[in-house]
């Protein structure tokens, strides 16, 4: 979830918005928004993600298009540091 948080934080900062301003615009609490940006917690709520996306419109650098909610969810589901797997003999 850390990568999605960085995407959203960078987009918010590029728009010149503080967390307080984004909270007012989205109706999502500042603490929850901060947790998303920092990658805290293990749940990413679709409504929170969509509220972020709708207001800050983060751009996918590969396409130049605004990320769709499903794209951000897909990124969030990719493990940054996959666990080591042991092969049993």
PDB file of N, CA and C in Angstrom:
ATOM      1  N   UNK A   1       0.817  -1.199   0.000  1.00  0.00           N
ATOM      2  CA  UNK A   1       0.000   0.000   0.000  1.00  0.00           C
ATOM      3  C   UNK A   1       0.862   1.266   0.000  1.00  0.00           C
ATOM      4  N   UNK A   2       2.154   1.100   0.324  1.00  0.00           N
ATOM      5  CA  UNK A   2       3.039   2.253   0.398  1.00  0.00           C
ATOM      6  C   UNK A   2       3.137   2.974  -0.945  1.00  0.00           C
ATOM      7  N   UNK A   3       3.254   2.227  -2.044  1.00  0.00           N
ATOM      8  CA  UNK A   3       3.402   2.855  -3.359  1.00  0.00           C
ATOM      9  C   UNK A   3       2.172   3.694  -3.715  1.00  0.00           C
ATOM     10  N   UNK A   4       0.996   3.185  -3.430  1.00  0.00           N
ATOM     11  CA  UNK A   4      -0.228   3.950  -3.699  1.00  0.00           C
ATOM     12  C   UNK A   4      -0.234   5.213  -2.847  1.00  0.00           C
ATOM     13  N   UNK A   5       0.178   5.085  -1.605  1.00  0.00           N
ATOM     14  CA  UNK A   5       0.250   6.250  -0.722  1.00  0.00           C
ATOM     15  C   UNK A   5       1.155   7.336  -1.271  1.00  0.00           C
ATOM     16  N   UNK A   6       2.293   6.923  -1.816  1.00  0.00           N
ATOM     17  CA  UNK A   6       3.222   7.894  -2.400  1.00  0.00           C
ATOM     18  C   UNK A   6       2.640   8.545  -3.652  1.00  0.00           C
ATOM     19  N   UNK A   7       1.963   7.761  -4.464  1.00  0.00           N
ATOM     20  CA  UNK A   7       1.309   8.312  -5.659  1.00  0.00           C
ATOM     21  C   UNK A   7       0.301   9.384  -5.248  1.00  0.00           C
ATOM     22  N   UNK A   8      -0.521   9.067  -4.254  1.00  0.00           N
ATOM     23  CA  UNK A   8      -1.563   9.994  -3.816  1.00  0.00           C
ATOM     24  C   UNK A   8      -0.974  11.225  -3.135  1.00  0.00           C
ATOM     25  N   UNK A   9       0.038  11.014  -2.291  1.00  0.00           N
ATOM     26  CA  UNK A   9       0.665  12.148  -1.601  1.00  0.00           C
ATOM     27  C   UNK A   9       1.316  13.094  -2.605  1.00  0.00           C
ATOM     28  N   UNK A  10       2.063  12.549  -3.553  1.00  0.00           N
ATOM     29  CA  UNK A  10       2.714  13.396  -4.560  1.00  0.00           C
ATOM     30  C   UNK A  10       1.690  14.183  -5.370  1.00  0.00           C
ATOM     31  N   UNK A  11       0.600  13.530  -5.749  1.00  0.00           N
ATOM     32  CA  UNK A  11      -0.447  14.212  -6.516  1.00  0.00           C
ATOM     33  C   UNK A  11      -1.104  15.309  -5.680  1.00  0.00           C
ATOM     34  N   UNK A  12      -1.342  15.024  -4.399  1.00  0.00           N
ATOM     35  CA  UNK A  12      -1.945  16.036  -3.509  1.00  0.00           C
ATOM     36  C   UNK A  12      -1.023  17.246  -3.387  1.00  0.00           C
ATOM     37  N   UNK A  13       0.265  16.976  -3.181  1.00  0.00           N
ATOM     38  CA  UNK A  13       1.220  18.072  -3.032  1.00  0.00           C
ATOM     39  C   UNK A  13       1.360  18.875  -4.325  1.00  0.00           C
ATOM     40  N   UNK A  14       1.293  18.205  -5.470  1.00  0.00           N
ATOM     41  CA  UNK A  14       1.359  18.918  -6.750  1.00  0.00           C
ATOM     42  C   UNK A  14       0.162  19.847  -6.931  1.00  0.00           C
ATOM     43  N   UNK A  15      -0.971  19.463  -6.344  1.00  0.00           N
ATOM     44  CA  UNK A  15      -2.169  20.312  -6.407  1.00  0.00           C
ATOM     45  C   UNK A  15      -2.107  21.436  -5.376  1.00  0.00           C
ATOM     46  N   UNK A  16      -1.097  21.380  -4.478  1.00  0.00           N
ATOM     47  CA  UNK A  16      -0.955  22.411  -3.454  1.00  0.00           C
ATOM     48  C   UNK A  16      -1.946  22.276  -2.316  1.00  0.00           C
ATOM     49  N   UNK A  17      -2.440  21.060  -2.091  1.00  0.00           N
ATOM     50  CA  UNK A  17      -3.432  20.834  -1.035  1.00  0.00           C
ATOM     51  C   UNK A  17      -2.777  20.271   0.222  1.00  0.00           C
ATOM     52  N   UNK A  18      -3.233  20.748   1.375  1.00  0.00           N
ATOM     53  CA  UNK A  18      -2.832  20.147   2.643  1.00  0.00           C
ATOM     54  C   UNK A  18      -3.774  18.984   2.940  1.00  0.00           C
ATOM     55  N   UNK A  19      -3.399  18.173   3.919  1.00  0.00           N
ATOM     56  CA  UNK A  19      -4.303  17.088   4.332  1.00  0.00           C
ATOM     57  C   UNK A  19      -5.620  17.651   4.859  1.00  0.00           C
ATOM     58  N   UNK A  20      -5.550  18.768   5.579  1.00  0.00           N
ATOM     59  CA  UNK A  20      -6.778  19.390   6.090  1.00  0.00           C
ATOM     60  C   UNK A  20      -7.701  19.811   4.944  1.00  0.00           C
ATOM     61  N   UNK A  21      -7.126  20.415   3.915  1.00  0.00           N
ATOM     62  CA  UNK A  21      -7.933  20.846   2.769  1.00  0.00           C
ATOM     63  C   UNK A  21      -8.529  19.650   2.035  1.00  0.00           C
ATOM     64  N   UNK A  22      -7.720  18.603   1.874  1.00  0.00           N
ATOM     65  CA  UNK A  22      -8.225  17.406   1.202  1.00  0.00           C
ATOM     66  C   UNK A  22      -9.337  16.753   2.017  1.00  0.00           C
ATOM     67  N   UNK A  23      -9.182  16.745   3.331  1.00  0.00           N
ATOM     68  CA  UNK A  23     -10.225  16.187   4.198  1.00  0.00           C
ATOM     69  C   UNK A  23     -11.534  16.950   4.007  1.00  0.00           C
ATOM     70  N   UNK A  24     -11.447  18.275   3.931  1.00  0.00           N
ATOM     71  CA  UNK A  24     -12.649  19.087   3.707  1.00  0.00           C
ATOM     72  C   UNK A  24     -13.284  18.792   2.344  1.00  0.00           C
ATOM     73  N   UNK A  25     -12.457  18.630   1.328  1.00  0.00           N
ATOM     74  CA  UNK A  25     -12.964  18.396  -0.030  1.00  0.00           C
ATOM     75  C   UNK A  25     -13.547  17.001  -0.229  1.00  0.00           C
ATOM     76  N   UNK A  26     -12.992  16.013   0.485  1.00  0.00           N
ATOM     77  CA  UNK A  26     -13.420  14.627   0.277  1.00  0.00           C
ATOM     78  C   UNK A  26     -14.417  14.128   1.307  1.00  0.00           C
ATOM     79  N   UNK A  27     -14.437  14.761   2.480  1.00  0.00           N
ATOM     80  CA  UNK A  27     -15.282  14.253   3.557  1.00  0.00           C
ATOM     81  C   UNK A  27     -14.661  13.067   4.280  1.00  0.00           C
ATOM     82  N   UNK A  28     -13.403  12.780   3.980  1.00  0.00           N
ATOM     83  CA  UNK A  28     -12.671  11.697   4.637  1.00  0.00           C
ATOM     84  C   UNK A  28     -11.795  12.335   5.707  1.00  0.00           C
ATOM     85  N   UNK A  29     -11.728  11.713   6.878  1.00  0.00           N
ATOM     86  CA  UNK A  29     -10.958  12.266   7.979  1.00  0.00           C
ATOM     87  C   UNK A  29      -9.474  12.409   7.671  1.00  0.00           C
ATOM     88  N   UNK A  30      -8.867  13.460   8.240  1.00  0.00           N
ATOM     89  CA  UNK A  30      -7.447  13.730   8.020  1.00  0.00           C
ATOM     90  C   UNK A  30      -6.577  12.553   8.460  1.00  0.00           C
ATOM     91  N   UNK A  31      -6.913  11.934   9.579  1.00  0.00           N
ATOM     92  CA  UNK A  31      -6.127  10.799  10.073  1.00  0.00           C
ATOM     93  C   UNK A  31      -6.163   9.650   9.086  1.00  0.00           C
ATOM     94  N   UNK A  32      -7.337   9.363   8.544  1.00  0.00           N
ATOM     95  CA  UNK A  32      -7.467   8.278   7.558  1.00  0.00           C
ATOM     96  C   UNK A  32      -6.668   8.598   6.295  1.00  0.00           C
ATOM     97  N   UNK A  33      -6.743   9.835   5.822  1.00  0.00           N
ATOM     98  CA  UNK A  33      -5.988  10.237   4.639  1.00  0.00           C
ATOM     99  C   UNK A  33      -4.487  10.104   4.882  1.00  0.00           C
ATOM    100  N   UNK A  34      -4.047  10.531   6.059  1.00  0.00           N
ATOM    101  CA  UNK A  34      -2.634  10.424   6.408  1.00  0.00           C
ATOM    102  C   UNK A  34      -2.198   8.962   6.454  1.00  0.00           C
ATOM    103  N   UNK A  35      -3.032   8.104   7.030  1.00  0.00           N
ATOM    104  CA  UNK A  35      -2.714   6.672   7.081  1.00  0.00           C
ATOM    105  C   UNK A  35      -2.561   6.089   5.675  1.00  0.00           C
ATOM    106  N   UNK A  36      -3.429   6.492   4.759  1.00  0.00           N
ATOM    107  CA  UNK A  36      -3.343   6.002   3.378  1.00  0.00           C
ATOM    108  C   UNK A  36      -2.021   6.439   2.756  1.00  0.00           C
ATOM    109  N   UNK A  37      -1.677   7.706   2.931  1.00  0.00           N
ATOM    110  CA  UNK A  37      -0.438   8.213   2.340  1.00  0.00           C
ATOM    111  C   UNK A  37       0.796   7.533   2.915  1.00  0.00           C
ATOM    112  N   UNK A  38       0.757   7.197   4.193  1.00  0.00           N
ATOM    113  CA  UNK A  38       1.909   6.566   4.841  1.00  0.00           C
ATOM    114  C   UNK A  38       1.925   5.054   4.666  1.00  0.00           C
ATOM    115  N   UNK A  39       0.843   4.505   4.133  1.00  0.00           N
ATOM    116  CA  UNK A  39       0.776   3.054   3.958  1.00  0.00           C
ATOM    117  C   UNK A  39       0.483   2.327   5.251  1.00  0.00           C
ATOM    118  N   UNK A  40      -0.077   3.038   6.229  1.00  0.00           N
ATOM    119  CA  UNK A  40      -0.426   2.413   7.510  1.00  0.00           C
ATOM    120  C   UNK A  40      -1.720   1.625   7.380  1.00  0.00           C
ATOM    121  N   UNK A  41      -1.809   0.588   8.133  1.00  0.00           N
ATOM    122  CA  UNK A  41      -3.013  -0.229   8.120  1.00  0.00           C
ATOM    123  C   UNK A  41      -2.957  -1.253   7.009  1.00  0.00           C
ATOM    124  N   UNK A  42      -3.889  -2.162   7.060  1.00  0.00           N
ATOM    125  CA  UNK A  42      -3.896  -3.226   6.055  1.00  0.00           C
ATOM    126  C   UNK A  42      -5.141  -3.192   5.189  1.00  0.00           C
ATOM    127  N   UNK A  43      -5.965  -2.150   5.353  1.00  0.00           N
ATOM    128  CA  UNK A  43      -7.179  -2.043   4.547  1.00  0.00           C
ATOM    129  C   UNK A  43      -7.179  -0.719   3.805  1.00  0.00           C
ATOM    130  N   UNK A  44      -7.450  -0.792   2.539  1.00  0.00           N
ATOM    131  CA  UNK A  44      -7.621   0.415   1.743  1.00  0.00           C
ATOM    132  C   UNK A  44      -9.072   0.428   1.298  1.00  0.00           C
ATOM    133  N   UNK A  45      -9.826   1.376   1.817  1.00  0.00           N
ATOM    134  CA  UNK A  45     -11.242   1.454   1.514  1.00  0.00           C
ATOM    135  C   UNK A  45     -11.441   2.045   0.117  1.00  0.00           C
ATOM    136  N   UNK A  46     -12.283   1.395  -0.673  1.00  0.00           N
ATOM    137  CA  UNK A  46     -12.523   1.843  -2.042  1.00  0.00           C
ATOM    138  C   UNK A  46     -13.095   3.255  -2.045  1.00  0.00           C
ATOM    139  N   UNK A  47     -13.994   3.555  -1.108  1.00  0.00           N
ATOM    140  CA  UNK A  47     -14.588   4.894  -1.095  1.00  0.00           C
ATOM    141  C   UNK A  47     -13.549   5.966  -0.772  1.00  0.00           C
ATOM    142  N   UNK A  48     -12.588   5.648   0.105  1.00  0.00           N
ATOM    143  CA  UNK A  48     -11.511   6.589   0.413  1.00  0.00           C
ATOM    144  C   UNK A  48     -10.636   6.802  -0.812  1.00  0.00           C
ATOM    145  N   UNK A  49     -10.295   5.723  -1.462  1.00  0.00           N
ATOM    146  CA  UNK A  49      -9.461   5.795  -2.655  1.00  0.00           C
ATOM    147  C   UNK A  49     -10.156   6.583  -3.763  1.00  0.00           C
ATOM    148  N   UNK A  50     -11.426   6.346  -3.946  1.00  0.00           N
ATOM    149  CA  UNK A  50     -12.181   7.056  -4.986  1.00  0.00           C
ATOM    150  C   UNK A  50     -12.308   8.538  -4.649  1.00  0.00           C
ATOM    151  N   UNK A  51     -12.473   8.870  -3.362  1.00  0.00           N
ATOM    152  CA  UNK A  51     -12.547  10.278  -2.963  1.00  0.00           C
ATOM    153  C   UNK A  51     -11.234  10.990  -3.280  1.00  0.00           C
ATOM    154  N   UNK A  52     -10.130  10.344  -2.944  1.00  0.00           N
ATOM    155  CA  UNK A  52      -8.806  10.883  -3.284  1.00  0.00           C
ATOM    156  C   UNK A  52      -8.702  11.101  -4.791  1.00  0.00           C
ATOM    157  N   UNK A  53      -9.005  10.060  -5.537  1.00  0.00           N
ATOM    158  CA  UNK A  53      -8.852  10.069  -6.992  1.00  0.00           C
ATOM    159  C   UNK A  53      -9.698  11.168  -7.638  1.00  0.00           C
ATOM    160  N   UNK A  54     -10.902  11.310  -7.155  1.00  0.00           N
ATOM    161  CA  UNK A  54     -11.834  12.290  -7.714  1.00  0.00           C
ATOM    162  C   UNK A  54     -11.320  13.725  -7.521  1.00  0.00           C
ATOM    163  N   UNK A  55     -10.715  13.998  -6.377  1.00  0.00           N
ATOM    164  CA  UNK A  55     -10.281  15.360  -6.068  1.00  0.00           C
ATOM    165  C   UNK A  55      -8.892  15.668  -6.624  1.00  0.00           C
ATOM    166  N   UNK A  56      -7.926  14.763  -6.419  1.00  0.00           N
ATOM    167  CA  UNK A  56      -6.555  15.107  -6.817  1.00  0.00           C
ATOM    168  C   UNK A  56      -6.177  14.616  -8.208  1.00  0.00           C
ATOM    169  N   UNK A  57      -6.929  13.685  -8.771  1.00  0.00           N
ATOM    170  CA  UNK A  57      -6.735  13.207 -10.141  1.00  0.00           C
ATOM    171  C   UNK A  57      -5.275  12.848 -10.432  1.00  0.00           C
ATOM    172  N   UNK A  58      -4.730  11.842  -9.712  1.00  0.00           N
ATOM    173  CA  UNK A  58      -3.328  11.463  -9.914  1.00  0.00           C
ATOM    174  C   UNK A  58      -3.102  10.891 -11.310  1.00  0.00           C
ATOM    175  N   UNK A  59      -2.008  11.295 -11.939  1.00  0.00           N
ATOM    176  CA  UNK A  59      -1.712  10.858 -13.304  1.00  0.00           C
ATOM    177  C   UNK A  59      -0.786   9.652 -13.320  1.00  0.00           C
ATOM    178  N   UNK A  60      -1.117   8.719 -14.174  1.00  0.00           N
ATOM    179  CA  UNK A  60      -0.259   7.565 -14.420  1.00  0.00           C
ATOM    180  C   UNK A  60       0.863   8.048 -15.339  1.00  0.00           C
ATOM    181  N   UNK A  61       2.130   7.975 -14.885  1.00  0.00           N
ATOM    182  CA  UNK A  61       3.223   8.493 -15.709  1.00  0.00           C
ATOM    183  C   UNK A  61       3.422   7.724 -17.016  1.00  0.00           C
ATOM    184  N   UNK A  62       2.967   6.486 -17.059  1.00  0.00           N
ATOM    185  CA  UNK A  62       3.127   5.682 -18.273  1.00  0.00           C
ATOM    186  C   UNK A  62       2.139   6.074 -19.369  1.00  0.00           C
ATOM    187  N   UNK A  63       0.944   6.499 -18.968  1.00  0.00           N
ATOM    188  CA  UNK A  63      -0.091   6.807 -19.958  1.00  0.00           C
ATOM    189  C   UNK A  63      -0.440   8.295 -20.035  1.00  0.00           C
ATOM    190  N   UNK A  64      -0.113   9.046 -18.980  1.00  0.00           N
ATOM    191  CA  UNK A  64      -0.502  10.449 -18.924  1.00  0.00           C
ATOM    192  C   UNK A  64      -1.968  10.640 -18.581  1.00  0.00           C
ATOM    193  N   UNK A  65      -2.675   9.546 -18.334  1.00  0.00           N
ATOM    194  CA  UNK A  65      -4.102   9.579 -17.992  1.00  0.00           C
ATOM    195  C   UNK A  65      -4.270   9.543 -16.469  1.00  0.00           C
ATOM    196  N   UNK A  66      -5.415  10.010 -16.010  1.00  0.00           N
ATOM    197  CA  UNK A  66      -5.734   9.920 -14.588  1.00  0.00           C
ATOM    198  C   UNK A  66      -5.902   8.447 -14.224  1.00  0.00           C
ATOM    199  N   UNK A  67      -5.262   8.042 -13.117  1.00  0.00           N
ATOM    200  CA  UNK A  67      -5.430   6.666 -12.649  1.00  0.00           C
ATOM    201  C   UNK A  67      -6.910   6.384 -12.413  1.00  0.00           C
ATOM    202  N   UNK A  68      -7.351   5.211 -12.790  1.00  0.00           N
ATOM    203  CA  UNK A  68      -8.686   4.733 -12.442  1.00  0.00           C
ATOM    204  C   UNK A  68      -8.593   4.079 -11.063  1.00  0.00           C
ATOM    205  N   UNK A  69      -9.696   3.999 -10.373  1.00  0.00           N
ATOM    206  CA  UNK A  69      -9.709   3.415  -9.032  1.00  0.00           C
ATOM    207  C   UNK A  69      -9.172   1.985  -9.060  1.00  0.00           C
ATOM    208  N   UNK A  70      -9.575   1.191 -10.049  1.00  0.00           N
ATOM    209  CA  UNK A  70      -9.135  -0.204 -10.114  1.00  0.00           C
ATOM    210  C   UNK A  70      -7.626  -0.301 -10.321  1.00  0.00           C
ATOM    211  N   UNK A  71      -7.033   0.671 -11.019  1.00  0.00           N
ATOM    212  CA  UNK A  71      -5.582   0.648 -11.213  1.00  0.00           C
ATOM    213  C   UNK A  71      -4.856   0.888  -9.893  1.00  0.00           C
ATOM    214  N   UNK A  72      -5.365   1.829  -9.108  1.00  0.00           N
ATOM    215  CA  UNK A  72      -4.757   2.103  -7.810  1.00  0.00           C
ATOM    216  C   UNK A  72      -4.920   0.916  -6.872  1.00  0.00           C
ATOM    217  N   UNK A  73      -6.083   0.276  -6.924  1.00  0.00           N
ATOM    218  CA  UNK A  73      -6.286  -0.920  -6.097  1.00  0.00           C
ATOM    219  C   UNK A  73      -5.334  -2.034  -6.513  1.00  0.00           C
ATOM    220  N   UNK A  74      -5.129  -2.184  -7.800  1.00  0.00           N
ATOM    221  CA  UNK A  74      -4.216  -3.209  -8.300  1.00  0.00           C
ATOM    222  C   UNK A  74      -2.794  -2.946  -7.802  1.00  0.00           C
ATOM    223  N   UNK A  75      -2.368  -1.695  -7.837  1.00  0.00           N
ATOM    224  CA  UNK A  75      -1.042  -1.337  -7.331  1.00  0.00           C
ATOM    225  C   UNK A  75      -0.952  -1.638  -5.841  1.00  0.00           C
ATOM    226  N   UNK A  76      -2.008  -1.324  -5.104  1.00  0.00           N
ATOM    227  CA  UNK A  76      -2.012  -1.548  -3.657  1.00  0.00           C
ATOM    228  C   UNK A  76      -1.917  -3.025  -3.311  1.00  0.00           C
ATOM    229  N   UNK A  77      -2.415  -3.879  -4.190  1.00  0.00           N
ATOM    230  CA  UNK A  77      -2.424  -5.313  -3.894  1.00  0.00           C
ATOM    231  C   UNK A  77      -1.081  -5.977  -4.182  1.00  0.00           C
ATOM    232  N   UNK A  78      -0.186  -5.287  -4.879  1.00  0.00           N
ATOM    233  CA  UNK A  78       1.130  -5.850  -5.161  1.00  0.00           C
ATOM    234  C   UNK A  78       1.991  -5.700  -3.918  1.00  0.00           C
ATOM    235  N   UNK A  79       2.549  -6.803  -3.465  1.00  0.00           N
ATOM    236  CA  UNK A  79       3.395  -6.767  -2.276  1.00  0.00           C
ATOM    237  C   UNK A  79       4.734  -6.140  -2.625  1.00  0.00           C
ATOM    238  N   UNK A  80       5.140  -5.141  -1.843  1.00  0.00           N
ATOM    239  CA  UNK A  80       6.418  -4.479  -2.081  1.00  0.00           C
ATOM    240  C   UNK A  80       7.577  -5.419  -1.758  1.00  0.00           C
ATOM    241  N   UNK A  81       7.495  -6.104  -0.647  1.00  0.00           N
ATOM    242  CA  UNK A  81       8.530  -7.044  -0.229  1.00  0.00           C
ATOM    243  C   UNK A  81       7.884  -8.401  -0.008  1.00  0.00           C
ATOM    244  N   UNK A  82       7.757  -9.199  -1.060  1.00  0.00           N
ATOM    245  CA  UNK A  82       7.098 -10.490  -0.884  1.00  0.00           C
ATOM    246  C   UNK A  82       7.860 -11.352   0.117  1.00  0.00           C
ATOM    247  N   UNK A  83       7.137 -12.136   0.896  1.00  0.00           N
ATOM    248  CA  UNK A  83       7.798 -12.973   1.893  1.00  0.00           C
ATOM    249  C   UNK A  83       8.652 -14.041   1.223  1.00  0.00           C
ATOM    250  N   UNK A  84       9.701 -14.426   1.928  1.00  0.00           N
ATOM    251  CA  UNK A  84      10.552 -15.519   1.453  1.00  0.00           C
ATOM    252  C   UNK A  84       9.745 -16.810   1.504  1.00  0.00           C
ATOM    253  N   UNK A  85       9.828 -17.587   0.462  1.00  0.00           N
ATOM    254  CA  UNK A  85       9.128 -18.867   0.428  1.00  0.00           C
ATOM    255  C   UNK A  85      10.141 -19.981   0.582  1.00  0.00           C
ATOM    256  N   UNK A  86       9.811 -20.932   1.412  1.00  0.00           N
ATOM    257  CA  UNK A  86      10.673 -22.085   1.614  1.00  0.00           C
ATOM    258  C   UNK A  86      10.115 -23.265   0.864  1.00  0.00           C
ATOM    259  N   UNK A  87      10.972 -23.957   0.177  1.00  0.00           N
ATOM    260  CA  UNK A  87      10.553 -25.156  -0.539  1.00  0.00           C
ATOM    261  C   UNK A  87      10.793 -26.340   0.379  1.00  0.00           C
ATOM    262  N   UNK A  88       9.729 -27.073   0.642  1.00  0.00           N
ATOM    263  CA  UNK A  88       9.867 -28.257   1.497  1.00  0.00           C
ATOM    264  C   UNK A  88      10.312 -29.433   0.655  1.00  0.00           C
ATOM    265  N   UNK A  89      11.226 -30.207   1.215  1.00  0.00           N
ATOM    266  CA  UNK A  89      11.734 -31.388   0.495  1.00  0.00           C
ATOM    267  C   UNK A  89      11.129 -32.643   1.045  1.00  0.00           C
TER     268      UNK A  89
END
